[in-house]
PDB file of N, CA and C in Angstrom:
ATOM      1  N   MET A   1     -46.601  11.874  -9.405  1.00  0.00           N
ATOM      2  CA  MET A   1     -45.610  10.664  -8.296  1.00  0.00           C
ATOM      3  C   MET A   1     -45.137   9.904  -9.156  1.00  0.00           C
ATOM      4  N   TYR A   2     -45.886   9.227 -10.687  1.00  0.00           N
ATOM      5  CA  TYR A   2     -45.000   8.368 -11.254  1.00  0.00           C
ATOM      6  C   TYR A   2     -44.109   8.893 -11.901  1.00  0.00           C
ATOM      7  N   LEU A   3     -43.888   9.894 -12.470  1.00  0.00           N
ATOM      8  CA  LEU A   3     -42.877  10.572 -13.285  1.00  0.00           C
ATOM      9  C   LEU A   3     -41.726  10.867 -12.184  1.00  0.00           C
ATOM     10  N   GLY A   4     -41.746  11.433 -10.691  1.00  0.00           N
ATOM     11  CA  GLY A   4     -40.582  11.215  -9.787  1.00  0.00           C
ATOM     12  C   GLY A   4     -40.023  10.022  -9.522  1.00  0.00           C
ATOM     13  N   LYS A   5     -40.987   9.126  -9.662  1.00  0.00           N
ATOM     14  CA  LYS A   5     -40.161   7.781  -9.396  1.00  0.00           C
ATOM     15  C   LYS A   5     -39.621   6.931 -10.454  1.00  0.00           C
ATOM     16  N   MET A   6     -39.848   7.604 -11.574  1.00  0.00           N
ATOM     17  CA  MET A   6     -39.111   7.236 -12.785  1.00  0.00           C
ATOM     18  C   MET A   6     -37.927   7.891 -13.031  1.00  0.00           C
ATOM     19  N   TYR A   7     -37.725   8.970 -12.144  1.00  0.00           N
ATOM     20  CA  TYR A   7     -36.652  10.119 -12.525  1.00  0.00           C
ATOM     21  C   TYR A   7     -35.332   9.619 -12.143  1.00  0.00           C
ATOM     22  N   LYS A   8     -35.522   8.812 -10.630  1.00  0.00           N
ATOM     23  CA  LYS A   8     -34.145   8.455 -10.134  1.00  0.00           C
ATOM     24  C   LYS A   8     -33.898   7.019 -10.912  1.00  0.00           C
ATOM     25  N   PRO A   9     -34.239   6.125 -11.412  1.00  0.00           N
ATOM     26  CA  PRO A   9     -33.602   5.072 -12.025  1.00  0.00           C
ATOM     27  C   PRO A   9     -33.042   5.591 -13.570  1.00  0.00           C
ATOM     28  N   MET A  10     -33.819   6.611 -13.968  1.00  0.00           N
ATOM     29  CA  MET A  10     -33.170   6.783 -15.143  1.00  0.00           C
ATOM     30  C   MET A  10     -31.820   7.974 -14.837  1.00  0.00           C
ATOM     31  N   ARG A  11     -31.882   8.792 -13.815  1.00  0.00           N
ATOM     32  CA  ARG A  11     -30.714   9.096 -13.376  1.00  0.00           C
ATOM     33  C   ARG A  11     -29.752   8.632 -13.147  1.00  0.00           C
ATOM     34  N   ASP A  12     -29.848   7.388 -12.527  1.00  0.00           N
ATOM     35  CA  ASP A  12     -28.362   6.323 -12.101  1.00  0.00           C
ATOM     36  C   ASP A  12     -28.108   5.959 -13.449  1.00  0.00           C
ATOM     37  N   LEU A  13     -29.415   5.354 -13.959  1.00  0.00           N
ATOM     38  CA  LEU A  13     -28.864   4.647 -15.646  1.00  0.00           C
ATOM     39  C   LEU A  13     -27.937   5.591 -16.470  1.00  0.00           C
ATOM     40  N   SER A  14     -28.169   6.903 -16.207  1.00  0.00           N
ATOM     41  CA  SER A  14     -27.358   7.843 -16.956  1.00  0.00           C
ATOM     42  C   SER A  14     -26.016   7.575 -16.554  1.00  0.00           C
ATOM     43  N   LYS A  15     -25.696   8.050 -15.104  1.00  0.00           N
ATOM     44  CA  LYS A  15     -24.491   8.014 -14.616  1.00  0.00           C
ATOM     45  C   LYS A  15     -23.667   6.833 -15.040  1.00  0.00           C
ATOM     46  N   VAL A  16     -24.452   5.584 -14.989  1.00  0.00           N
ATOM     47  CA  VAL A  16     -23.769   4.292 -14.946  1.00  0.00           C
ATOM     48  C   VAL A  16     -23.122   4.409 -16.856  1.00  0.00           C
ATOM     49  N   THR A  17     -24.022   4.620 -17.884  1.00  0.00           N
ATOM     50  CA  THR A  17     -23.667   4.836 -18.889  1.00  0.00           C
ATOM     51  C   THR A  17     -22.366   5.868 -19.081  1.00  0.00           C
ATOM     52  N   ASP A  18     -22.554   7.168 -18.159  1.00  0.00           N
ATOM     53  CA  ASP A  18     -21.404   8.078 -18.324  1.00  0.00           C
ATOM     54  C   ASP A  18     -20.163   7.035 -18.047  1.00  0.00           C
ATOM     55  N   SER A  19     -20.273   6.602 -16.690  1.00  0.00           N
ATOM     56  CA  SER A  19     -18.950   6.211 -16.022  1.00  0.00           C
ATOM     57  C   SER A  19     -18.425   4.909 -17.202  1.00  0.00           C
ATOM     58  N   TYR A  20     -19.430   4.193 -17.733  1.00  0.00           N
ATOM     59  CA  TYR A  20     -18.921   2.913 -18.714  1.00  0.00           C
ATOM     60  C   TYR A  20     -17.963   4.087 -20.042  1.00  0.00           C
ATOM     61  N   SER A  21     -18.710   4.991 -20.449  1.00  0.00           N
ATOM     62  CA  SER A  21     -17.781   5.625 -22.005  1.00  0.00           C
ATOM     63  C   SER A  21     -16.516   6.430 -21.144  1.00  0.00           C
ATOM     64  N   ARG A  22     -16.513   6.552 -20.207  1.00  0.00           N
ATOM     65  CA  ARG A  22     -14.981   7.291 -19.668  1.00  0.00           C
ATOM     66  C   ARG A  22     -14.116   6.022 -19.436  1.00  0.00           C
ATOM     67  N   ALA A  23     -14.668   5.014 -18.791  1.00  0.00           N
ATOM     68  CA  ALA A  23     -13.748   3.594 -18.824  1.00  0.00           C
ATOM     69  C   ALA A  23     -13.323   3.251 -20.314  1.00  0.00           C
ATOM     70  N   ALA A  24     -14.180   2.994 -21.299  1.00  0.00           N
ATOM     71  CA  ALA A  24     -13.987   2.577 -22.419  1.00  0.00           C
ATOM     72  C   ALA A  24     -12.906   3.596 -23.136  1.00  0.00           C
ATOM     73  N   VAL A  25     -12.999   5.196 -22.644  1.00  0.00           N
ATOM     74  CA  VAL A  25     -12.046   5.707 -23.218  1.00  0.00           C
ATOM     75  C   VAL A  25     -10.492   5.656 -22.479  1.00  0.00           C
ATOM     76  N   GLY A  26     -10.392   5.347 -21.263  1.00  0.00           N
ATOM     77  CA  GLY A  26      -9.117   5.209 -21.020  1.00  0.00           C
ATOM     78  C   GLY A  26      -8.549   3.963 -21.055  1.00  0.00           C
ATOM     79  N   TYR A  27      -9.462   2.754 -21.153  1.00  0.00           N
ATOM     80  CA  TYR A  27      -9.292   1.565 -21.910  1.00  0.00           C
ATOM     81  C   TYR A  27      -8.409   1.730 -23.240  1.00  0.00           C
ATOM     82  N   GLU A  28      -9.081   2.790 -23.841  1.00  0.00           N
ATOM     83  CA  GLU A  28      -8.158   2.663 -25.277  1.00  0.00           C
ATOM     84  C   GLU A  28      -7.165   3.206 -25.554  1.00  0.00           C
ATOM     85  N   ARG A  29      -6.929   4.034 -24.501  1.00  0.00           N
ATOM     86  CA  ARG A  29      -5.686   4.956 -24.225  1.00  0.00           C
ATOM     87  C   ARG A  29      -4.647   3.848 -23.783  1.00  0.00           C
ATOM     88  N   ILE A  30      -5.073   3.150 -22.900  1.00  0.00           N
ATOM     89  CA  ILE A  30      -4.046   2.116 -22.108  1.00  0.00           C
ATOM     90  C   ILE A  30      -3.618   1.105 -23.466  1.00  0.00           C
ATOM     91  N   ARG A  31      -4.508   0.730 -23.947  1.00  0.00           N
ATOM     92  CA  ARG A  31      -4.373   0.085 -24.851  1.00  0.00           C
ATOM     93  C   ARG A  31      -3.410   0.745 -25.880  1.00  0.00           C
ATOM     94  N   GLU A  32      -3.730   1.622 -26.668  1.00  0.00           N
ATOM     95  CA  GLU A  32      -2.232   2.577 -27.219  1.00  0.00           C
ATOM     96  C   GLU A  32      -1.043   2.184 -26.967  1.00  0.00           C
ATOM     97  N   ILE A  33      -0.799   2.594 -25.616  1.00  0.00           N
ATOM     98  CA  ILE A  33       0.195   2.718 -24.882  1.00  0.00           C
ATOM     99  C   ILE A  33       1.184   1.084 -24.872  1.00  0.00           C
ATOM    100  N   MET A  34       0.203   0.096 -24.653  1.00  0.00           N
ATOM    101  CA  MET A  34       0.793  -1.135 -24.633  1.00  0.00           C
ATOM    102  C   MET A  34       1.123  -1.888 -25.579  1.00  0.00           C
ATOM    103  N   ASP A  35       0.097  -1.496 -26.707  1.00  0.00           N
ATOM    104  CA  ASP A  35       0.306  -2.180 -28.466  1.00  0.00           C
ATOM    105  C   ASP A  35       1.547  -1.424 -28.852  1.00  0.00           C
ATOM    106  N   LYS A  36       2.023  -0.167 -28.453  1.00  0.00           N
ATOM    107  CA  LYS A  36       3.335   0.029 -29.115  1.00  0.00           C
ATOM    108  C   LYS A  36       4.684  -0.505 -28.752  1.00  0.00           C
ATOM    109  N   ASN A  37       5.520  -0.818 -29.679  1.00  0.00           N
ATOM    110  CA  ASN A  37       6.654  -1.359 -29.459  1.00  0.00           C
ATOM    111  C   ASN A  37       7.939  -0.387 -29.462  1.00  0.00           C
ATOM    112  N   TYR A  38       7.942  -0.431 -28.005  1.00  0.00           N
ATOM    113  CA  TYR A  38       9.125   0.634 -27.456  1.00  0.00           C
ATOM    114  C   TYR A  38      10.608  -0.065 -27.620  1.00  0.00           C
ATOM    115  N   GLU A  39      11.338   0.320 -28.058  1.00  0.00           N
ATOM    116  CA  GLU A  39      12.638  -0.410 -28.024  1.00  0.00           C
ATOM    117  C   GLU A  39      13.784   1.035 -27.866  1.00  0.00           C
ATOM    118  N   VAL A  40      14.735   0.692 -26.606  1.00  0.00           N
ATOM    119  CA  VAL A  40      15.914   2.010 -26.806  1.00  0.00           C
ATOM    120  C   VAL A  40      16.874   1.570 -27.874  1.00  0.00           C
ATOM    121  N   ARG A  41      17.080   2.285 -28.324  1.00  0.00           N
ATOM    122  CA  ARG A  41      18.446   2.092 -29.722  1.00  0.00           C
ATOM    123  C   ARG A  41      19.355   3.408 -28.958  1.00  0.00           C
ATOM    124  N   ASP A  42      20.387   2.961 -29.251  1.00  0.00           N
ATOM    125  CA  ASP A  42      21.624   3.995 -29.203  1.00  0.00           C
ATOM    126  C   ASP A  42      21.505   4.540 -30.267  1.00  0.00           C
ATOM    127  N   LEU A  43      22.046   6.180 -30.053  1.00  0.00           N
ATOM    128  CA  LEU A  43      22.089   6.891 -30.742  1.00  0.00           C
ATOM    129  C   LEU A  43      23.256   6.855 -32.049  1.00  0.00           C
ATOM    130  N   PRO A  44      23.221   7.081 -33.252  1.00  0.00           N
ATOM    131  CA  PRO A  44      24.412   6.943 -33.992  1.00  0.00           C
ATOM    132  C   PRO A  44      25.772   7.629 -33.544  1.00  0.00           C
ATOM    133  N   GLY A  45      26.452   7.006 -33.807  1.00  0.00           N
ATOM    134  CA  GLY A  45      27.757   7.064 -33.173  1.00  0.00           C
ATOM    135  C   GLY A  45      28.311   6.961 -31.636  1.00  0.00           C
ATOM    136  N   ALA A  46      27.084   6.457 -31.008  1.00  0.00           N
ATOM    137  CA  ALA A  46      27.148   6.200 -29.397  1.00  0.00           C
ATOM    138  C   ALA A  46      28.409   5.280 -29.229  1.00  0.00           C
ATOM    139  N   ARG A  47      29.123   5.781 -28.110  1.00  0.00           N
ATOM    140  CA  ARG A  47      30.476   4.815 -27.860  1.00  0.00           C
ATOM    141  C   ARG A  47      29.625   3.349 -26.840  1.00  0.00           C
ATOM    142  N   PRO A  48      30.403   2.457 -27.084  1.00  0.00           N
ATOM    143  CA  PRO A  48      30.100   1.015 -26.480  1.00  0.00           C
ATOM    144  C   PRO A  48      30.295   1.306 -24.715  1.00  0.00           C
ATOM    145  N   ALA A  49      29.457   0.782 -23.860  1.00  0.00           N
ATOM    146  CA  ALA A  49      29.453   1.295 -22.702  1.00  0.00           C
ATOM    147  C   ALA A  49      30.635   0.140 -22.131  1.00  0.00           C
ATOM    148  N   PRO A  50      31.433   0.648 -21.224  1.00  0.00           N
ATOM    149  CA  PRO A  50      32.591  -0.233 -20.361  1.00  0.00           C
ATOM    150  C   PRO A  50      31.835  -1.269 -19.540  1.00  0.00           C
ATOM    151  N   ALA A  51      32.544  -2.310 -19.205  1.00  0.00           N
ATOM    152  CA  ALA A  51      32.294  -3.113 -18.249  1.00  0.00           C
ATOM    153  C   ALA A  51      31.428  -2.655 -17.106  1.00  0.00           C
ATOM    154  N   LEU A  52      30.284  -3.274 -16.566  1.00  0.00           N
ATOM    155  CA  LEU A  52      29.338  -2.246 -15.431  1.00  0.00           C
ATOM    156  C   LEU A  52      30.333  -2.692 -14.345  1.00  0.00           C
ATOM    157  N   MET A  53      30.629  -1.881 -13.365  1.00  0.00           N
ATOM    158  CA  MET A  53      31.489  -1.834 -12.215  1.00  0.00           C
ATOM    159  C   MET A  53      30.730  -1.745 -10.863  1.00  0.00           C
ATOM    160  N   GLY A  54      29.391  -1.312 -11.015  1.00  0.00           N
ATOM    161  CA  GLY A  54      28.752  -0.381  -9.988  1.00  0.00           C
ATOM    162  C   GLY A  54      28.828   0.805  -9.837  1.00  0.00           C
ATOM    163  N   ASN A  55      29.708   1.496 -10.279  1.00  0.00           N
ATOM    164  CA  ASN A  55      29.786   2.837 -10.095  1.00  0.00           C
ATOM    165  C   ASN A  55      28.577   3.557 -10.861  1.00  0.00           C
ATOM    166  N   ILE A  56      28.118   4.787 -10.426  1.00  0.00           N
ATOM    167  CA  ILE A  56      27.094   5.531 -11.215  1.00  0.00           C
ATOM    168  C   ILE A  56      28.051   6.891 -11.475  1.00  0.00           C
ATOM    169  N   GLU A  57      27.866   7.419 -12.623  1.00  0.00           N
ATOM    170  CA  GLU A  57      28.457   8.532 -12.782  1.00  0.00           C
ATOM    171  C   GLU A  57      27.264   9.318 -13.847  1.00  0.00           C
ATOM    172  N   PHE A  58      27.113  10.446 -13.770  1.00  0.00           N
ATOM    173  CA  PHE A  58      26.339  11.340 -14.575  1.00  0.00           C
ATOM    174  C   PHE A  58      27.439  12.498 -14.862  1.00  0.00           C
ATOM    175  N   GLU A  59      27.643  12.783 -16.034  1.00  0.00           N
ATOM    176  CA  GLU A  59      28.554  13.900 -16.632  1.00  0.00           C
ATOM    177  C   GLU A  59      27.972  14.872 -17.788  1.00  0.00           C
ATOM    178  N   LYS A  60      27.496  15.969 -17.413  1.00  0.00           N
ATOM    179  CA  LYS A  60      26.590  16.912 -18.179  1.00  0.00           C
ATOM    180  C   LYS A  60      25.456  16.219 -18.830  1.00  0.00           C
ATOM    181  N   VAL A  61      24.540  15.875 -17.871  1.00  0.00           N
ATOM    182  CA  VAL A  61      23.242  15.180 -18.568  1.00  0.00           C
ATOM    183  C   VAL A  61      22.183  16.192 -18.438  1.00  0.00           C
ATOM    184  N   CYS A  62      21.751  16.155 -19.880  1.00  0.00           N
ATOM    185  CA  CYS A  62      20.277  17.180 -19.836  1.00  0.00           C
ATOM    186  C   CYS A  62      19.414  16.535 -20.334  1.00  0.00           C
ATOM    187  N   PHE A  63      18.448  16.849 -20.058  1.00  0.00           N
ATOM    188  CA  PHE A  63      16.935  15.945 -20.251  1.00  0.00           C
ATOM    189  C   PHE A  63      15.882  16.407 -20.493  1.00  0.00           C
ATOM    190  N   SER A  64      15.084  16.733 -21.295  1.00  0.00           N
ATOM    191  CA  SER A  64      13.635  17.301 -21.378  1.00  0.00           C
ATOM    192  C   SER A  64      12.657  16.316 -22.153  1.00  0.00           C
ATOM    193  N   TYR A  65      11.367  16.210 -21.151  1.00  0.00           N
ATOM    194  CA  TYR A  65      10.362  15.633 -21.960  1.00  0.00           C
ATOM    195  C   TYR A  65      10.015  16.321 -23.196  1.00  0.00           C
ATOM    196  N   GLU A  66       9.970  17.757 -23.100  1.00  0.00           N
ATOM    197  CA  GLU A  66       9.587  18.246 -24.404  1.00  0.00           C
ATOM    198  C   GLU A  66      10.501  18.989 -24.889  1.00  0.00           C
ATOM    199  N   PRO A  67      10.660  19.176 -26.233  1.00  0.00           N
ATOM    200  CA  PRO A  67      12.011  19.751 -26.770  1.00  0.00           C
ATOM    201  C   PRO A  67      12.363  21.103 -25.854  1.00  0.00           C
ATOM    202  N   GLN A  68      11.423  22.203 -26.015  1.00  0.00           N
ATOM    203  CA  GLN A  68      12.256  23.357 -25.386  1.00  0.00           C
ATOM    204  C   GLN A  68      11.940  23.341 -24.085  1.00  0.00           C
ATOM    205  N   LEU A  69      11.403  22.511 -23.011  1.00  0.00           N
ATOM    206  CA  LEU A  69      11.652  22.808 -22.042  1.00  0.00           C
ATOM    207  C   LEU A  69      12.447  21.653 -21.128  1.00  0.00           C
ATOM    208  N   PRO A  70      13.551  22.134 -20.923  1.00  0.00           N
ATOM    209  CA  PRO A  70      14.448  21.217 -20.452  1.00  0.00           C
ATOM    210  C   PRO A  70      13.845  21.173 -18.645  1.00  0.00           C
ATOM    211  N   VAL A  71      14.252  19.849 -18.573  1.00  0.00           N
ATOM    212  CA  VAL A  71      14.002  19.379 -17.114  1.00  0.00           C
ATOM    213  C   VAL A  71      15.295  19.464 -16.225  1.00  0.00           C
ATOM    214  N   LEU A  72      16.398  18.764 -16.646  1.00  0.00           N
ATOM    215  CA  LEU A  72      17.516  18.801 -16.349  1.00  0.00           C
ATOM    216  C   LEU A  72      18.574  19.622 -16.878  1.00  0.00           C
ATOM    217  N   ARG A  73      19.866  19.866 -16.639  1.00  0.00           N
ATOM    218  CA  ARG A  73      20.695  20.867 -17.405  1.00  0.00           C
ATOM    219  C   ARG A  73      22.242  20.444 -16.708  1.00  0.00           C
ATOM    220  N   GLY A  74      23.135  20.036 -17.429  1.00  0.00           N
ATOM    221  CA  GLY A  74      23.925  20.054 -16.973  1.00  0.00           C
ATOM    222  C   GLY A  74      24.497  19.087 -15.413  1.00  0.00           C
ATOM    223  N   VAL A  75      23.618  18.230 -15.432  1.00  0.00           N
ATOM    224  CA  VAL A  75      23.750  17.665 -14.028  1.00  0.00           C
ATOM    225  C   VAL A  75      24.732  16.382 -13.836  1.00  0.00           C
ATOM    226  N   ALA A  76      25.748  16.353 -12.826  1.00  0.00           N
ATOM    227  CA  ALA A  76      26.713  16.055 -12.847  1.00  0.00           C
ATOM    228  C   ALA A  76      27.140  15.359 -11.105  1.00  0.00           C
ATOM    229  N   PHE A  77      27.356  13.522 -10.984  1.00  0.00           N
ATOM    230  CA  PHE A  77      27.489  13.304  -9.805  1.00  0.00           C
ATOM    231  C   PHE A  77      28.127  12.283 -10.054  1.00  0.00           C
ATOM    232  N   ARG A  78      28.844  11.512  -9.179  1.00  0.00           N
ATOM    233  CA  ARG A  78      29.635  10.267  -9.264  1.00  0.00           C
ATOM    234  C   ARG A  78      29.100   9.439  -7.929  1.00  0.00           C
ATOM    235  N   ILE A  79      28.414   7.933  -7.991  1.00  0.00           N
ATOM    236  CA  ILE A  79      28.411   7.588  -6.550  1.00  0.00           C
ATOM    237  C   ILE A  79      29.137   6.132  -7.043  1.00  0.00           C
ATOM    238  N   GLU A  80      30.003   5.766  -5.830  1.00  0.00           N
ATOM    239  CA  GLU A  80      30.894   4.674  -6.321  1.00  0.00           C
ATOM    240  C   GLU A  80      30.203   3.497  -5.320  1.00  0.00           C
ATOM    241  N   ALA A  81      30.668   2.395  -6.496  1.00  0.00           N
ATOM    242  CA  ALA A  81      30.110   1.109  -5.689  1.00  0.00           C
ATOM    243  C   ALA A  81      30.280   0.886  -4.557  1.00  0.00           C
ATOM    244  N   GLY A  82      29.091   0.392  -3.697  1.00  0.00           N
ATOM    245  CA  GLY A  82      28.858   0.137  -2.520  1.00  0.00           C
ATOM    246  C   GLY A  82      28.383   1.340  -1.299  1.00  0.00           C
ATOM    247  N   GLN A  83      28.758   2.547  -2.319  1.00  0.00           N
ATOM    248  CA  GLN A  83      28.375   3.804  -1.376  1.00  0.00           C
ATOM    249  C   GLN A  83      27.218   4.250  -1.290  1.00  0.00           C
ATOM    250  N   THR A  84      26.167   4.666  -0.490  1.00  0.00           N
ATOM    251  CA  THR A  84      24.882   5.170  -0.230  1.00  0.00           C
ATOM    252  C   THR A  84      24.722   6.688  -0.683  1.00  0.00           C
ATOM    253  N   ALA A  85      23.779   7.093  -1.378  1.00  0.00           N
ATOM    254  CA  ALA A  85      23.650   8.200  -1.884  1.00  0.00           C
ATOM    255  C   ALA A  85      21.772   8.585  -1.606  1.00  0.00           C
ATOM    256  N   ALA A  86      21.570   9.681  -1.519  1.00  0.00           N
ATOM    257  CA  ALA A  86      20.416  10.189  -1.596  1.00  0.00           C
ATOM    258  C   ALA A  86      20.043  11.365  -2.262  1.00  0.00           C
ATOM    259  N   LEU A  87      18.758  11.338  -3.170  1.00  0.00           N
ATOM    260  CA  LEU A  87      18.687  12.693  -3.940  1.00  0.00           C
ATOM    261  C   LEU A  87      17.683  13.171  -3.173  1.00  0.00           C
ATOM    262  N   VAL A  88      17.771  14.597  -2.804  1.00  0.00           N
ATOM    263  CA  VAL A  88      17.041  15.438  -2.055  1.00  0.00           C
ATOM    264  C   VAL A  88      16.602  16.509  -2.726  1.00  0.00           C
ATOM    265  N   GLY A  89      15.447  16.880  -2.820  1.00  0.00           N
ATOM    266  CA  GLY A  89      15.173  18.451  -3.474  1.00  0.00           C
ATOM    267  C   GLY A  89      13.537  18.602  -3.410  1.00  0.00           C
ATOM    268  N   ARG A  90      13.312  19.690  -3.899  1.00  0.00           N
ATOM    269  CA  ARG A  90      11.770  19.834  -3.858  1.00  0.00           C
ATOM    270  C   ARG A  90      10.943  19.229  -4.674  1.00  0.00           C
ATOM    271  N   THR A  91       9.625  19.284  -5.010  1.00  0.00           N
ATOM    272  CA  THR A  91       9.049  18.652  -5.800  1.00  0.00           C
ATOM    273  C   THR A  91       9.450  19.373  -7.126  1.00  0.00           C
ATOM    274  N   GLY A  92       9.331  18.354  -7.891  1.00  0.00           N
ATOM    275  CA  GLY A  92       9.752  18.735  -9.270  1.00  0.00           C
ATOM    276  C   GLY A  92      11.211  19.276  -9.677  1.00  0.00           C
ATOM    277  N   SER A  93      12.035  18.816  -8.857  1.00  0.00           N
ATOM    278  CA  SER A  93      13.201  19.130  -8.964  1.00  0.00           C
ATOM    279  C   SER A  93      14.428  18.208  -9.961  1.00  0.00           C
ATOM    280  N   GLY A  94      13.800  17.254 -10.501  1.00  0.00           N
ATOM    281  CA  GLY A  94      14.176  16.075 -11.079  1.00  0.00           C
ATOM    282  C   GLY A  94      14.832  15.161 -10.524  1.00  0.00           C
ATOM    283  N   LYS A  95      14.254  14.567  -9.403  1.00  0.00           N
ATOM    284  CA  LYS A  95      14.690  13.112  -8.506  1.00  0.00           C
ATOM    285  C   LYS A  95      14.465  11.980  -9.445  1.00  0.00           C
ATOM    286  N   THR A  96      12.872  12.174  -9.509  1.00  0.00           N
ATOM    287  CA  THR A  96      12.622  10.756 -10.275  1.00  0.00           C
ATOM    288  C   THR A  96      12.946  10.977 -11.688  1.00  0.00           C
ATOM    289  N   THR A  97      13.356  11.800 -12.318  1.00  0.00           N
ATOM    290  CA  THR A  97      13.631  11.746 -13.699  1.00  0.00           C
ATOM    291  C   THR A  97      14.906  11.232 -13.819  1.00  0.00           C
ATOM    292  N   ILE A  98      15.821  11.413 -12.815  1.00  0.00           N
ATOM    293  CA  ILE A  98      17.307  11.205 -12.731  1.00  0.00           C
ATOM    294  C   ILE A  98      17.189   9.365 -12.362  1.00  0.00           C
ATOM    295  N   ILE A  99      16.483   9.111 -11.449  1.00  0.00           N
ATOM    296  CA  ILE A  99      16.247   7.663 -11.416  1.00  0.00           C
ATOM    297  C   ILE A  99      15.606   6.963 -12.404  1.00  0.00           C
ATOM    298  N   SER A 100      14.838   7.364 -13.217  1.00  0.00           N
ATOM    299  CA  SER A 100      14.186   7.069 -14.659  1.00  0.00           C
ATOM    300  C   SER A 100      15.295   6.909 -15.525  1.00  0.00           C
ATOM    301  N   LEU A 101      16.449   7.810 -15.732  1.00  0.00           N
ATOM    302  CA  LEU A 101      17.295   7.911 -16.771  1.00  0.00           C
ATOM    303  C   LEU A 101      18.366   6.547 -16.279  1.00  0.00           C
ATOM    304  N   LEU A 102      18.530   6.033 -15.098  1.00  0.00           N
ATOM    305  CA  LEU A 102      19.429   5.049 -14.762  1.00  0.00           C
ATOM    306  C   LEU A 102      19.117   3.993 -15.806  1.00  0.00           C
ATOM    307  N   PRO A 103      17.870   3.103 -15.647  1.00  0.00           N
ATOM    308  CA  PRO A 103      17.989   1.977 -16.117  1.00  0.00           C
ATOM    309  C   PRO A 103      17.349   2.380 -17.775  1.00  0.00           C
ATOM    310  N   ARG A 104      17.665   3.525 -18.210  1.00  0.00           N
ATOM    311  CA  ARG A 104      17.372   4.059 -19.608  1.00  0.00           C
ATOM    312  C   ARG A 104      15.761   3.917 -19.719  1.00  0.00           C
ATOM    313  N   PHE A 105      15.091   4.155 -19.008  1.00  0.00           N
ATOM    314  CA  PHE A 105      13.518   4.295 -19.127  1.00  0.00           C
ATOM    315  C   PHE A 105      13.700   5.611 -20.548  1.00  0.00           C
ATOM    316  N   TYR A 106      14.108   6.529 -20.443  1.00  0.00           N
ATOM    317  CA  TYR A 106      14.510   7.689 -21.277  1.00  0.00           C
ATOM    318  C   TYR A 106      15.799   7.571 -21.558  1.00  0.00           C
ATOM    319  N   ASP A 107      16.230   8.261 -22.819  1.00  0.00           N
ATOM    320  CA  ASP A 107      17.203   8.226 -23.221  1.00  0.00           C
ATOM    321  C   ASP A 107      17.591   9.962 -22.718  1.00  0.00           C
ATOM    322  N   TRP A 108      19.288  10.349 -22.765  1.00  0.00           N
ATOM    323  CA  TRP A 108      19.381  11.590 -22.339  1.00  0.00           C
ATOM    324  C   TRP A 108      20.347  11.814 -23.735  1.00  0.00           C
ATOM    325  N   ILE A 109      20.581  13.211 -24.055  1.00  0.00           N
ATOM    326  CA  ILE A 109      21.687  13.809 -24.940  1.00  0.00           C
ATOM    327  C   ILE A 109      22.617  14.537 -23.927  1.00  0.00           C
ATOM    328  N   PRO A 110      23.959  14.143 -24.131  1.00  0.00           N
ATOM    329  CA  PRO A 110      24.782  15.030 -23.449  1.00  0.00           C
ATOM    330  C   PRO A 110      25.034  16.474 -23.915  1.00  0.00           C
ATOM    331  N   GLU A 111      25.292  17.037 -22.806  1.00  0.00           N
ATOM    332  CA  GLU A 111      25.311  18.872 -23.126  1.00  0.00           C
ATOM    333  C   GLU A 111      26.537  19.097 -24.112  1.00  0.00           C
ATOM    334  N   SER A 112      26.175  19.919 -25.157  1.00  0.00           N
ATOM    335  CA  SER A 112      26.997  20.287 -25.898  1.00  0.00           C
ATOM    336  C   SER A 112      28.392  21.228 -25.317  1.00  0.00           C
TER     337      SER A 112
END
């Protein structure tokens, strides 16, 4: 009976220790990302951007998160200033990627 009474608190302590170690690993991963110095730089030979007028234009935009797995290929569209537009598509079709490219969260490479 004594062993039975000791088993539950020991099991609970083991669960807490496991949760703590998982949280510590997660914290370390977050710290690695937060400590990196990310700076968006223009590619060599990049043209200066014209004055911003409110228009959004993508012309032959290609993008991939991994080198050999393209997510976007040859995307082209134009949205005039003041115009309302919607990106509609299936899950995984690139809607969020396109929105992330607008503020240069990622850089894109023009299609050759």
